N, C-alpha and C. Protein backbone atom coordinates (compact mmCIF):
# COMPACT_ATOMS: atom_id res chain seq x y z
N MET A 1 1.26 12.63 32.38
CA MET A 1 0.64 12.66 31.09
C MET A 1 1.70 12.68 29.99
N SER A 2 1.46 11.96 28.95
CA SER A 2 2.37 11.92 27.83
C SER A 2 2.08 13.06 26.87
N SER A 3 3.14 13.60 26.28
CA SER A 3 2.95 14.67 25.30
C SER A 3 2.72 14.11 23.90
N LYS A 4 2.82 12.78 23.75
CA LYS A 4 2.59 12.17 22.45
C LYS A 4 1.10 12.15 22.14
N HIS A 5 0.79 12.38 20.88
CA HIS A 5 -0.60 12.32 20.42
C HIS A 5 -0.77 11.09 19.56
N SER A 6 -1.96 10.53 19.58
CA SER A 6 -2.25 9.43 18.67
C SER A 6 -2.36 9.98 17.26
N LYS A 7 -2.25 9.11 16.26
CA LYS A 7 -2.36 9.54 14.87
C LYS A 7 -3.74 10.14 14.60
N ASP A 8 -4.77 9.62 15.27
CA ASP A 8 -6.11 10.16 15.08
C ASP A 8 -6.20 11.59 15.58
N GLU A 9 -5.52 11.90 16.68
CA GLU A 9 -5.53 13.25 17.21
C GLU A 9 -4.70 14.19 16.36
N GLU A 10 -3.64 13.67 15.76
CA GLU A 10 -2.74 14.49 14.96
C GLU A 10 -3.37 14.89 13.63
N PHE A 11 -4.13 13.99 13.01
CA PHE A 11 -4.77 14.24 11.72
C PHE A 11 -6.25 13.84 11.82
N PRO A 12 -7.04 14.56 12.60
CA PRO A 12 -8.40 14.08 12.91
C PRO A 12 -9.35 14.02 11.72
N ASN A 13 -9.31 14.97 10.82
CA ASN A 13 -10.25 15.01 9.71
C ASN A 13 -9.53 15.11 8.38
N GLU A 14 -8.43 14.41 8.28
CA GLU A 14 -7.60 14.49 7.08
C GLU A 14 -8.31 13.88 5.88
N THR A 15 -8.35 14.61 4.78
CA THR A 15 -8.95 14.10 3.55
C THR A 15 -7.94 13.22 2.82
N LEU A 16 -8.41 12.49 1.82
CA LEU A 16 -7.52 11.66 1.02
C LEU A 16 -6.46 12.53 0.34
N ASP A 17 -6.87 13.65 -0.22
CA ASP A 17 -5.91 14.55 -0.87
C ASP A 17 -4.84 15.03 0.11
N GLU A 18 -5.25 15.36 1.33
CA GLU A 18 -4.29 15.81 2.34
C GLU A 18 -3.33 14.69 2.73
N LEU A 19 -3.86 13.47 2.85
CA LEU A 19 -3.01 12.32 3.16
C LEU A 19 -1.98 12.09 2.07
N LEU A 20 -2.42 12.11 0.82
CA LEU A 20 -1.51 11.91 -0.31
C LEU A 20 -0.44 12.99 -0.35
N GLU A 21 -0.82 14.22 -0.08
CA GLU A 21 0.15 15.31 -0.06
C GLU A 21 1.15 15.14 1.07
N ARG A 22 0.66 14.79 2.26
CA ARG A 22 1.54 14.61 3.42
C ARG A 22 2.54 13.49 3.17
N LEU A 23 2.12 12.44 2.47
CA LEU A 23 3.00 11.30 2.19
C LEU A 23 3.78 11.45 0.88
N SER A 24 3.61 12.58 0.21
CA SER A 24 4.28 12.86 -1.07
C SER A 24 3.98 11.81 -2.13
N ILE A 25 2.74 11.35 -2.17
CA ILE A 25 2.30 10.40 -3.18
C ILE A 25 1.63 11.18 -4.30
N VAL A 26 2.27 11.20 -5.46
CA VAL A 26 1.75 11.94 -6.61
C VAL A 26 1.16 10.98 -7.63
N ASP A 27 1.96 10.01 -8.06
CA ASP A 27 1.52 9.02 -9.05
C ASP A 27 1.01 7.78 -8.32
N TRP A 28 -0.26 7.48 -8.52
CA TRP A 28 -0.80 6.26 -7.91
C TRP A 28 -2.00 5.77 -8.70
N ASP A 29 -2.08 4.46 -8.78
CA ASP A 29 -3.23 3.80 -9.39
C ASP A 29 -4.07 3.11 -8.32
N LEU A 30 -3.39 2.61 -7.30
CA LEU A 30 -4.08 1.87 -6.24
C LEU A 30 -3.42 2.16 -4.91
N LEU A 31 -4.24 2.49 -3.91
CA LEU A 31 -3.76 2.62 -2.54
C LEU A 31 -4.30 1.46 -1.74
N LEU A 32 -3.44 0.88 -0.93
CA LEU A 32 -3.86 -0.19 -0.01
C LEU A 32 -3.53 0.26 1.40
N ILE A 33 -4.56 0.36 2.22
CA ILE A 33 -4.39 0.79 3.61
C ILE A 33 -4.89 -0.35 4.48
N GLY A 34 -3.99 -1.00 5.19
CA GLY A 34 -4.41 -2.18 5.93
C GLY A 34 -3.68 -2.41 7.22
N ASP A 35 -4.08 -3.48 7.89
CA ASP A 35 -3.47 -3.87 9.15
C ASP A 35 -3.79 -5.33 9.42
N GLY A 36 -2.93 -5.95 10.17
CA GLY A 36 -3.15 -7.32 10.57
C GLY A 36 -2.87 -7.48 12.05
N SER A 37 -3.42 -8.52 12.64
CA SER A 37 -3.22 -8.76 14.05
C SER A 37 -3.08 -10.25 14.30
N GLY A 38 -2.12 -10.59 15.11
CA GLY A 38 -1.90 -11.99 15.46
C GLY A 38 -0.87 -12.07 16.56
N CYS A 39 -0.56 -13.27 16.96
CA CYS A 39 0.39 -13.47 18.05
C CYS A 39 1.41 -14.52 17.63
N ASN A 40 1.01 -15.77 17.71
CA ASN A 40 1.86 -16.87 17.27
C ASN A 40 0.97 -18.00 16.77
N TRP A 41 1.59 -19.10 16.39
CA TRP A 41 0.83 -20.19 15.76
C TRP A 41 -0.14 -20.88 16.71
N ASN A 42 -0.18 -20.47 17.97
CA ASN A 42 -1.12 -21.05 18.92
C ASN A 42 -2.44 -20.27 18.99
N PHE A 43 -2.52 -19.15 18.26
CA PHE A 43 -3.70 -18.29 18.34
C PHE A 43 -4.18 -17.87 16.95
N GLU A 44 -5.38 -17.34 16.91
CA GLU A 44 -5.97 -16.87 15.67
C GLU A 44 -5.27 -15.59 15.20
N CYS A 45 -5.44 -15.28 13.91
CA CYS A 45 -4.97 -14.01 13.38
C CYS A 45 -6.02 -13.49 12.40
N GLY A 46 -5.97 -12.19 12.16
CA GLY A 46 -6.93 -11.59 11.24
C GLY A 46 -6.35 -10.35 10.59
N TRP A 47 -7.04 -9.87 9.55
CA TRP A 47 -6.54 -8.71 8.82
C TRP A 47 -7.68 -7.97 8.15
N GLY A 48 -7.40 -6.74 7.79
CA GLY A 48 -8.34 -5.94 7.04
C GLY A 48 -7.58 -4.94 6.17
N CYS A 49 -8.18 -4.53 5.08
CA CYS A 49 -7.55 -3.60 4.17
C CYS A 49 -8.64 -2.86 3.40
N THR A 50 -8.38 -1.62 3.09
CA THR A 50 -9.22 -0.86 2.18
C THR A 50 -8.39 -0.52 0.96
N SER A 51 -8.93 -0.81 -0.22
CA SER A 51 -8.26 -0.43 -1.46
C SER A 51 -9.02 0.74 -2.07
N ILE A 52 -8.26 1.68 -2.63
CA ILE A 52 -8.84 2.84 -3.31
C ILE A 52 -8.19 2.94 -4.68
N GLU A 53 -9.02 2.93 -5.71
CA GLU A 53 -8.52 3.05 -7.08
C GLU A 53 -8.58 4.51 -7.52
N ASN A 54 -7.49 4.98 -8.10
CA ASN A 54 -7.42 6.37 -8.51
C ASN A 54 -8.35 6.68 -9.67
N SER A 55 -8.50 5.76 -10.61
CA SER A 55 -9.29 6.04 -11.81
C SER A 55 -10.77 6.27 -11.51
N THR A 56 -11.29 5.61 -10.49
CA THR A 56 -12.72 5.71 -10.18
C THR A 56 -13.00 6.14 -8.73
N PHE A 57 -11.95 6.16 -7.92
CA PHE A 57 -12.05 6.38 -6.48
C PHE A 57 -12.93 5.33 -5.81
N ALA A 58 -13.09 4.20 -6.49
CA ALA A 58 -13.83 3.07 -5.91
C ALA A 58 -13.06 2.54 -4.71
N ARG A 59 -13.80 2.26 -3.66
CA ARG A 59 -13.22 1.71 -2.44
C ARG A 59 -13.78 0.32 -2.22
N ARG A 60 -12.89 -0.55 -1.77
CA ARG A 60 -13.30 -1.93 -1.52
C ARG A 60 -12.70 -2.35 -0.18
N ALA A 61 -13.49 -3.01 0.62
CA ALA A 61 -13.02 -3.52 1.91
C ALA A 61 -12.62 -4.98 1.77
N TRP A 62 -11.48 -5.32 2.34
CA TRP A 62 -10.95 -6.69 2.32
C TRP A 62 -10.71 -7.10 3.77
N HIS A 63 -11.03 -8.35 4.09
CA HIS A 63 -10.79 -8.82 5.45
C HIS A 63 -10.75 -10.34 5.46
N GLY A 64 -10.15 -10.87 6.48
CA GLY A 64 -10.09 -12.31 6.60
C GLY A 64 -9.47 -12.72 7.92
N ALA A 65 -9.45 -14.01 8.17
CA ALA A 65 -8.91 -14.54 9.41
C ALA A 65 -8.48 -15.98 9.20
N MET A 66 -7.64 -16.45 10.08
CA MET A 66 -7.20 -17.85 10.11
C MET A 66 -7.27 -18.34 11.54
N SER A 67 -7.42 -19.62 11.68
CA SER A 67 -7.53 -20.19 13.02
C SER A 67 -6.19 -20.18 13.76
N ALA A 68 -5.08 -20.00 13.04
CA ALA A 68 -3.76 -19.90 13.66
C ALA A 68 -2.85 -19.12 12.73
N GLY A 69 -2.04 -18.23 13.28
CA GLY A 69 -1.11 -17.48 12.45
C GLY A 69 -0.39 -16.41 13.22
N THR A 70 0.76 -16.02 12.70
CA THR A 70 1.59 -15.01 13.34
C THR A 70 1.15 -13.61 12.95
N VAL A 71 1.68 -12.62 13.64
CA VAL A 71 1.37 -11.24 13.31
C VAL A 71 1.91 -10.89 11.92
N ASN A 72 3.09 -11.39 11.56
CA ASN A 72 3.64 -11.10 10.23
C ASN A 72 2.78 -11.70 9.12
N LEU A 73 2.27 -12.88 9.33
CA LEU A 73 1.36 -13.49 8.36
C LEU A 73 0.12 -12.64 8.20
N ALA A 74 -0.46 -12.21 9.30
CA ALA A 74 -1.68 -11.39 9.25
C ALA A 74 -1.40 -10.05 8.57
N GLU A 75 -0.27 -9.44 8.88
CA GLU A 75 0.09 -8.16 8.24
C GLU A 75 0.22 -8.33 6.73
N MET A 76 0.84 -9.41 6.28
CA MET A 76 1.03 -9.65 4.85
C MET A 76 -0.29 -9.95 4.15
N MET A 77 -1.15 -10.74 4.78
CA MET A 77 -2.42 -11.12 4.17
C MET A 77 -3.30 -9.91 3.89
N ALA A 78 -3.17 -8.87 4.71
CA ALA A 78 -3.96 -7.66 4.49
C ALA A 78 -3.71 -7.09 3.10
N TYR A 79 -2.52 -7.32 2.55
CA TYR A 79 -2.16 -6.76 1.24
C TYR A 79 -2.15 -7.80 0.13
N LEU A 80 -1.85 -9.04 0.46
CA LEU A 80 -1.80 -10.07 -0.58
C LEU A 80 -3.17 -10.32 -1.21
N GLN A 81 -4.18 -10.35 -0.40
CA GLN A 81 -5.53 -10.60 -0.92
C GLN A 81 -5.94 -9.54 -1.96
N PRO A 82 -5.88 -8.24 -1.64
CA PRO A 82 -6.25 -7.26 -2.66
C PRO A 82 -5.26 -7.18 -3.82
N LEU A 83 -3.98 -7.45 -3.59
CA LEU A 83 -3.01 -7.45 -4.68
C LEU A 83 -3.30 -8.57 -5.68
N CYS A 84 -3.67 -9.73 -5.19
CA CYS A 84 -4.01 -10.85 -6.09
C CYS A 84 -5.21 -10.46 -6.96
N TRP A 85 -6.22 -9.86 -6.36
CA TRP A 85 -7.40 -9.42 -7.11
C TRP A 85 -7.00 -8.39 -8.16
N TYR A 86 -6.18 -7.41 -7.77
CA TYR A 86 -5.80 -6.33 -8.69
C TYR A 86 -4.98 -6.86 -9.86
N VAL A 87 -4.02 -7.74 -9.58
CA VAL A 87 -3.20 -8.32 -10.65
C VAL A 87 -4.08 -9.11 -11.62
N ASP A 88 -4.99 -9.93 -11.10
CA ASP A 88 -5.87 -10.71 -11.95
C ASP A 88 -6.70 -9.79 -12.85
N ARG A 89 -7.24 -8.75 -12.28
CA ARG A 89 -8.05 -7.81 -13.05
C ARG A 89 -7.23 -7.07 -14.11
N GLU A 90 -6.01 -6.69 -13.75
CA GLU A 90 -5.14 -5.99 -14.70
C GLU A 90 -4.72 -6.90 -15.86
N VAL A 91 -4.45 -8.16 -15.57
CA VAL A 91 -4.09 -9.11 -16.64
C VAL A 91 -5.25 -9.24 -17.62
N LYS A 92 -6.46 -9.38 -17.12
CA LYS A 92 -7.64 -9.49 -17.99
C LYS A 92 -7.84 -8.20 -18.78
N ARG A 93 -7.65 -7.06 -18.15
CA ARG A 93 -7.83 -5.78 -18.83
C ARG A 93 -6.80 -5.61 -19.94
N ARG A 94 -5.56 -5.98 -19.66
CA ARG A 94 -4.50 -5.85 -20.66
C ARG A 94 -4.78 -6.72 -21.88
N LYS A 95 -5.24 -7.94 -21.64
CA LYS A 95 -5.57 -8.83 -22.76
C LYS A 95 -6.70 -8.24 -23.59
N LYS A 96 -7.72 -7.75 -22.92
CA LYS A 96 -8.88 -7.20 -23.61
C LYS A 96 -8.51 -5.96 -24.41
N GLU A 97 -7.68 -5.08 -23.84
CA GLU A 97 -7.33 -3.82 -24.48
C GLU A 97 -6.03 -3.91 -25.28
N ASN A 98 -5.44 -5.11 -25.34
CA ASN A 98 -4.23 -5.37 -26.12
C ASN A 98 -3.03 -4.53 -25.67
N TYR A 99 -2.89 -4.34 -24.37
CA TYR A 99 -1.73 -3.64 -23.83
C TYR A 99 -0.53 -4.57 -23.81
N LYS A 100 0.63 -4.03 -24.08
CA LYS A 100 1.87 -4.81 -23.97
C LYS A 100 2.42 -4.69 -22.55
N THR A 101 2.79 -3.47 -22.17
CA THR A 101 3.36 -3.23 -20.85
C THR A 101 2.72 -1.98 -20.25
N VAL A 102 2.25 -2.11 -19.06
CA VAL A 102 1.69 -0.97 -18.35
C VAL A 102 2.23 -1.03 -16.93
N ILE A 103 2.85 0.05 -16.51
CA ILE A 103 3.36 0.12 -15.15
C ILE A 103 2.26 0.70 -14.27
N ARG A 104 1.97 0.03 -13.20
CA ARG A 104 0.97 0.48 -12.24
C ARG A 104 1.67 0.92 -10.97
N HIS A 105 1.20 2.01 -10.40
CA HIS A 105 1.75 2.55 -9.17
C HIS A 105 0.84 2.14 -8.02
N VAL A 106 1.29 1.17 -7.25
CA VAL A 106 0.53 0.67 -6.10
C VAL A 106 1.28 1.09 -4.85
N HIS A 107 0.58 1.76 -3.95
CA HIS A 107 1.18 2.21 -2.69
C HIS A 107 0.53 1.46 -1.54
N ILE A 108 1.36 0.90 -0.69
CA ILE A 108 0.90 0.18 0.49
C ILE A 108 1.18 1.06 1.70
N LEU A 109 0.12 1.40 2.42
CA LEU A 109 0.25 2.18 3.65
C LEU A 109 0.12 1.21 4.82
N THR A 110 1.21 1.07 5.57
CA THR A 110 1.26 0.06 6.62
C THR A 110 1.97 0.60 7.86
N ASP A 111 1.65 0.01 8.99
CA ASP A 111 2.39 0.30 10.21
C ASP A 111 3.33 -0.86 10.56
N SER A 112 3.42 -1.83 9.65
CA SER A 112 4.22 -3.04 9.89
C SER A 112 5.63 -2.89 9.33
N GLN A 113 6.62 -2.99 10.20
CA GLN A 113 8.01 -2.95 9.77
C GLN A 113 8.32 -4.16 8.88
N TYR A 114 7.72 -5.30 9.16
CA TYR A 114 7.94 -6.51 8.36
C TYR A 114 7.46 -6.30 6.92
N VAL A 115 6.26 -5.77 6.75
CA VAL A 115 5.73 -5.52 5.41
C VAL A 115 6.61 -4.49 4.71
N LYS A 116 7.00 -3.46 5.43
CA LYS A 116 7.80 -2.39 4.84
C LYS A 116 9.17 -2.89 4.39
N THR A 117 9.87 -3.65 5.21
CA THR A 117 11.22 -4.07 4.85
C THR A 117 11.23 -5.30 3.95
N LYS A 118 10.37 -6.26 4.20
CA LYS A 118 10.37 -7.49 3.40
C LYS A 118 9.59 -7.33 2.10
N GLY A 119 8.81 -6.26 1.98
CA GLY A 119 8.02 -6.07 0.78
C GLY A 119 8.52 -4.96 -0.12
N SER A 120 9.66 -4.37 0.20
CA SER A 120 10.16 -3.28 -0.63
C SER A 120 10.74 -3.83 -1.94
N ILE A 121 10.69 -3.01 -2.97
CA ILE A 121 11.22 -3.40 -4.28
C ILE A 121 12.71 -3.74 -4.18
N LYS A 122 13.48 -2.92 -3.45
CA LYS A 122 14.92 -3.17 -3.30
C LYS A 122 15.17 -4.53 -2.66
N THR A 123 14.39 -4.84 -1.63
CA THR A 123 14.54 -6.12 -0.94
C THR A 123 14.20 -7.28 -1.87
N MET A 124 13.14 -7.11 -2.65
CA MET A 124 12.73 -8.18 -3.58
C MET A 124 13.78 -8.39 -4.66
N LEU A 125 14.29 -7.29 -5.22
CA LEU A 125 15.29 -7.40 -6.28
C LEU A 125 16.58 -8.01 -5.76
N ALA A 126 16.88 -7.80 -4.49
CA ALA A 126 18.08 -8.37 -3.89
C ALA A 126 17.87 -9.83 -3.50
N GLY A 127 16.65 -10.33 -3.64
CA GLY A 127 16.35 -11.72 -3.30
C GLY A 127 16.17 -11.96 -1.81
N ASN A 128 15.90 -10.89 -1.05
CA ASN A 128 15.74 -11.02 0.40
C ASN A 128 14.32 -10.78 0.87
N ALA A 129 13.37 -10.96 -0.01
CA ALA A 129 11.97 -10.74 0.36
C ALA A 129 11.52 -11.81 1.36
N GLY A 130 10.51 -11.46 2.12
CA GLY A 130 9.93 -12.43 3.03
C GLY A 130 9.29 -13.55 2.27
N PRO A 131 9.09 -14.70 2.89
CA PRO A 131 8.54 -15.87 2.21
C PRO A 131 7.20 -15.63 1.53
N LEU A 132 6.33 -14.84 2.16
CA LEU A 132 5.02 -14.59 1.55
C LEU A 132 5.13 -13.72 0.31
N TRP A 133 6.01 -12.74 0.32
CA TRP A 133 6.21 -11.91 -0.88
C TRP A 133 6.80 -12.76 -2.00
N GLN A 134 7.70 -13.69 -1.65
CA GLN A 134 8.31 -14.56 -2.67
C GLN A 134 7.24 -15.41 -3.35
N VAL A 135 6.29 -15.91 -2.60
CA VAL A 135 5.19 -16.70 -3.17
C VAL A 135 4.41 -15.86 -4.15
N PHE A 136 4.11 -14.61 -3.76
CA PHE A 136 3.32 -13.74 -4.62
C PHE A 136 4.09 -13.37 -5.87
């Protein structure tokens, strides 16, 4: 028997507040919690994500699939779809409310090393972002 516990066993009834505290997330406007699954270009891939807005605690489910795609593509799509929606909405809101500059704190919770390393701000500023992040 393994002494390792699954994440579900380790934090079985964790509330959102407890999760934020455990991850040391204090300032946030949008949380994205997602996952993707795929293999290679010979097989289908799919993704899902839940977005939570701090201002209203509104939750939205995002999901999709492609007839062929890699695991990295699926992992990225879980976040690109809701990010595109959020950016579009923020641009419209800023125009309507006459905002000049507003910094938004978006946190991506992922189990993907590719999303974590290729999607980090430092990586993007250094010009080493993954191809999908560069498109976005």
